[in-house]
Amino acid sequence: MTADTRIKQAELLYERAVFGGDTGALATADQGLDAVEADLALARGRLVHARFLEERVEDARELELFERAAELYRRLGDARGEGEALFWAGTFHQVVRDDTETALPFFTHALDLATQTDDRLTMSYTLRHLGFAEHMAGRLDAARAHFEESTRLRREHGFLPGVAANLITLAEFAVEQNRRDEAAALLKEAAELAENTDSNGVLRWVTGARERLDLA
């Protein structure tokens, strides 16, 4: 059911309650609007995060939006939505606040919920960010394993720009382990995927990685 449909349904349920005397319709209307609000909060929070990535200026609304979405999804019994919202709340802590310790419980819970609901895209995102956490802790093999699993899920899902983004990080890991030929091949595939999907932002990341890693 789309947001517009749920809002229209709430209008009809209002009339049923007021004019038809069916007060039980109000609870159904509230649930529908809670779902609309949850979806809106999650979508708006992601836009705020995108602006942070461009401008590097924290907006406190971002965390508020993700936490509100998670609360509403939890109230609705929507484990899939809750898992996605929790992932983004964790991302706020890790990326915006540079606080991986606070982010980890969000990621762990998000991965559990995404696994339970077979939400492979959220699983791939969460594994990617858990991989960053492992790398920061100096556990390169564990970090690489998380990224490889994230990449596998993204290939299955058809999320090719996300595959390309992961390959860039895997190339960086390969250089750290003195596997430069493998790193070059990973960046080549990342560039091809980015070009084929018109992912110009990812293509710029590939160019930057080649310069940093001296693989141009």
Protein backbone atom coordinates (compact mmCIF):
# COMPACT_ATOMS: atom_id res chain seq x y z
CA MET A 1 0.00 0.00 0.00
CA THR A 2 1.46 3.37 -1.04
CA ALA A 3 1.67 6.43 1.20
CA ASP A 4 -1.08 8.16 -0.78
CA THR A 5 -3.30 5.10 -0.44
CA ARG A 6 -2.74 4.92 3.33
CA ILE A 7 -3.52 8.61 3.75
CA LYS A 8 -6.71 8.20 1.70
CA GLN A 9 -7.63 5.18 3.80
CA ALA A 10 -7.17 7.27 6.96
CA GLU A 11 -9.62 9.83 5.57
CA LEU A 12 -12.19 7.10 4.93
CA LEU A 13 -11.65 5.62 8.37
CA TYR A 14 -12.16 9.06 9.91
CA GLU A 15 -15.56 9.27 8.22
CA ARG A 16 -16.40 5.74 9.35
CA ALA A 17 -15.55 6.68 12.95
CA VAL A 18 -17.30 10.07 13.01
CA PHE A 19 -20.32 9.38 10.86
CA GLY A 20 -20.62 5.63 11.16
CA GLY A 21 -19.83 5.34 14.86
CA ASP A 22 -17.05 2.81 14.26
CA THR A 23 -14.46 4.07 16.75
CA GLY A 24 -12.35 0.96 16.18
CA ALA A 25 -11.49 2.41 12.77
CA LEU A 26 -9.28 5.01 14.44
CA ALA A 27 -6.67 2.47 15.55
CA THR A 28 -6.43 1.14 11.99
CA ALA A 29 -6.03 4.69 10.68
CA ASP A 30 -3.29 5.41 13.22
CA GLN A 31 -1.36 2.31 12.14
CA GLY A 32 -1.51 3.32 8.51
CA LEU A 33 -0.30 6.82 9.22
CA ASP A 34 2.46 5.51 11.51
CA ALA A 35 3.70 3.46 8.55
CA VAL A 36 3.64 6.55 6.33
CA GLU A 37 5.52 8.55 8.97
CA ALA A 38 8.13 5.79 9.40
CA ASP A 39 8.79 5.58 5.66
CA LEU A 40 9.00 9.37 5.40
CA ALA A 41 11.37 9.70 8.37
CA LEU A 42 13.68 7.04 6.94
CA ALA A 43 13.69 8.59 3.47
CA ARG A 44 14.27 12.12 4.80
CA GLY A 45 17.05 10.89 7.10
CA ARG A 46 18.85 9.36 4.15
CA LEU A 47 18.65 12.66 2.26
CA VAL A 48 20.12 14.47 5.26
CA HIS A 49 22.94 11.89 5.32
CA ALA A 50 23.61 12.42 1.62
CA ARG A 51 23.97 16.15 2.28
CA PHE A 52 26.44 15.38 5.07
CA LEU A 53 28.55 13.30 2.68
CA GLU A 54 28.65 16.28 0.31
CA GLU A 55 29.09 19.12 2.81
CA ARG A 56 30.55 17.37 5.90
CA VAL A 57 28.32 19.40 8.21
CA GLU A 58 26.40 17.49 10.89
CA ASP A 59 22.64 17.93 11.04
CA ALA A 60 21.17 16.66 14.32
CA ARG A 61 17.88 15.92 12.56
CA GLU A 62 19.50 12.94 10.88
CA LEU A 63 19.71 10.81 14.02
CA GLU A 64 16.29 11.99 15.20
CA LEU A 65 14.73 10.88 11.92
CA PHE A 66 16.34 7.43 11.94
CA GLU A 67 15.47 6.83 15.59
CA ARG A 68 11.87 7.92 15.00
CA ALA A 69 11.61 5.57 12.03
CA ALA A 70 13.00 2.67 14.06
CA GLU A 71 10.57 3.37 16.91
CA LEU A 72 7.56 3.46 14.58
CA TYR A 73 8.57 0.32 12.68
CA ARG A 74 9.08 -1.47 16.01
CA ARG A 75 5.62 -0.39 17.17
CA LEU A 76 4.14 -1.65 13.89
CA GLY A 77 5.92 -4.99 14.13
CA ASP A 78 7.81 -4.25 10.90
CA ALA A 79 11.14 -5.96 11.60
CA ARG A 80 12.44 -5.32 8.10
CA GLY A 81 11.86 -1.58 8.35
CA GLU A 82 13.24 -1.46 11.89
CA GLY A 83 16.43 -3.20 10.79
CA GLU A 84 16.98 -0.72 7.98
CA ALA A 85 16.37 2.27 10.26
CA LEU A 86 18.73 0.89 12.89
CA PHE A 87 21.43 0.44 10.27
CA TRP A 88 21.15 4.10 9.30
CA ALA A 89 21.22 5.20 12.94
CA GLY A 90 24.44 3.22 13.32
CA THR A 91 25.82 4.83 10.18
CA PHE A 92 25.15 8.25 11.67
CA HIS A 93 27.26 7.37 14.71
CA GLN A 94 30.04 5.76 12.68
CA VAL A 95 30.28 8.15 9.74
CA VAL A 96 29.01 11.47 11.05
CA ARG A 97 30.15 11.26 14.67
CA ASP A 98 33.18 9.00 14.05
CA ASP A 99 31.97 6.85 16.96
CA THR A 100 32.15 3.22 15.90
CA GLU A 101 31.78 1.94 19.46
CA THR A 102 28.32 3.48 19.72
CA ALA A 103 27.45 2.32 16.20
CA LEU A 104 28.23 -1.37 16.73
CA PRO A 105 25.10 -2.35 18.74
CA PHE A 106 22.94 -0.68 16.07
CA PHE A 107 24.71 -2.63 13.33
CA THR A 108 24.47 -5.93 15.21
CA HIS A 109 20.75 -5.55 15.84
CA ALA A 110 20.17 -4.36 12.27
CA LEU A 111 21.98 -7.39 10.86
CA ASP A 112 19.93 -9.75 13.04
CA LEU A 113 16.65 -8.21 11.86
CA ALA A 114 17.73 -8.04 8.22
CA THR A 115 18.78 -11.70 8.33
CA GLN A 116 15.47 -12.72 9.93
CA THR A 117 13.50 -10.91 7.20
CA ASP A 118 15.87 -11.86 4.33
CA ASP A 119 16.56 -8.19 3.60
CA ARG A 120 19.75 -8.80 1.69
CA LEU A 121 20.35 -5.20 0.73
CA THR A 122 20.35 -4.04 4.35
CA MET A 123 22.49 -7.06 5.22
CA SER A 124 25.01 -5.97 2.60
CA TYR A 125 25.13 -2.42 3.92
CA THR A 126 25.51 -3.56 7.50
CA LEU A 127 28.26 -6.05 6.69
CA ARG A 128 30.10 -3.30 4.81
CA HIS A 129 30.08 -1.03 7.83
CA LEU A 130 30.96 -3.86 10.20
CA GLY A 131 33.88 -4.46 7.86
CA PHE A 132 35.00 -0.88 8.37
CA ALA A 133 34.82 -1.45 12.13
CA GLU A 134 36.94 -4.60 11.89
CA HIS A 135 39.51 -2.76 9.78
CA MET A 136 39.72 0.09 12.28
CA ALA A 137 40.35 -2.52 15.00
CA GLY A 138 43.24 -3.93 13.00
CA ARG A 139 41.49 -7.17 12.00
CA LEU A 140 42.09 -7.08 8.26
CA ASP A 141 41.10 -10.68 7.48
CA ALA A 142 37.76 -10.27 9.28
CA ALA A 143 37.19 -6.95 7.53
CA ARG A 144 37.85 -8.52 4.16
CA ALA A 145 35.46 -11.41 4.92
CA HIS A 146 32.67 -8.95 5.76
CA PHE A 147 33.25 -7.02 2.54
CA GLU A 148 33.35 -10.19 0.45
CA GLU A 149 30.02 -11.36 1.89
CA SER A 150 28.54 -7.89 1.40
CA THR A 151 29.71 -7.95 -2.22
CA ARG A 152 28.19 -11.39 -2.81
CA LEU A 153 24.83 -10.20 -1.49
CA ARG A 154 24.98 -7.08 -3.62
CA ARG A 155 25.70 -9.11 -6.75
CA GLU A 156 22.73 -11.35 -6.00
CA HIS A 157 20.54 -8.29 -5.45
CA GLY A 158 21.74 -6.62 -8.64
CA PHE A 159 23.05 -3.60 -6.75
CA LEU A 160 25.99 -3.05 -9.09
CA PRO A 161 27.02 0.47 -7.98
CA GLY A 162 27.26 -0.96 -4.46
CA VAL A 163 29.38 -3.85 -5.75
CA ALA A 164 31.74 -1.34 -7.36
CA ALA A 165 32.02 0.64 -4.12
CA ASN A 166 32.91 -2.53 -2.21
CA LEU A 167 35.52 -3.55 -4.77
CA ILE A 168 37.34 -0.28 -4.18
CA THR A 169 37.70 -1.07 -0.48
CA LEU A 170 38.70 -4.66 -1.23
CA ALA A 171 41.41 -3.29 -3.52
CA GLU A 172 42.70 -1.15 -0.66
CA PHE A 173 42.79 -4.23 1.57
CA ALA A 174 44.67 -6.15 -1.13
CA VAL A 175 47.35 -3.46 -1.28
CA GLU A 176 47.72 -3.63 2.50
CA GLN A 177 48.44 -7.34 2.11
CA ASN A 178 50.86 -6.71 -0.79
CA ARG A 179 48.55 -8.18 -3.46
CA ARG A 180 48.86 -5.31 -5.92
CA ASP A 181 47.92 -7.26 -9.04
CA GLU A 182 44.67 -8.34 -7.39
CA ALA A 183 44.03 -4.75 -6.30
CA ALA A 184 44.49 -3.49 -9.86
CA ALA A 185 42.04 -6.10 -11.15
CA LEU A 186 39.46 -5.16 -8.52
CA LEU A 187 39.70 -1.48 -9.43
CA LYS A 188 39.38 -2.34 -13.12
CA GLU A 189 36.15 -4.23 -12.45
CA ALA A 190 34.90 -1.44 -10.19
CA ALA A 191 35.50 1.12 -12.96
CA GLU A 192 33.70 -1.04 -15.53
CA LEU A 193 30.68 -1.50 -13.25
CA ALA A 194 30.58 2.22 -12.46
CA GLU A 195 30.75 3.15 -16.15
CA ASN A 196 28.08 0.63 -17.13
CA THR A 197 25.67 1.91 -14.46
CA ASP A 198 26.39 5.63 -14.96
CA SER A 199 27.70 5.79 -11.38
CA ASN A 200 29.90 8.82 -11.86
CA GLY A 201 30.39 9.34 -8.14
CA VAL A 202 31.75 5.82 -7.74
CA LEU A 203 33.92 6.33 -10.81
CA ARG A 204 35.52 9.32 -9.10
CA TRP A 205 36.18 7.10 -6.06
CA VAL A 206 37.95 4.60 -8.33
CA THR A 207 40.13 7.36 -9.76
CA GLY A 208 40.98 8.58 -6.27
CA ALA A 209 41.83 5.06 -5.12
CA ARG A 210 44.15 4.48 -8.08
CA GLU A 211 46.02 7.68 -7.23
CA ARG A 212 46.25 6.86 -3.50
CA LEU A 213 47.38 3.31 -4.12
CA ASP A 214 49.69 4.25 -7.00
CA LEU A 215 47.85 1.91 -9.35
CA ALA A 216 47.04 4.43 -12.06
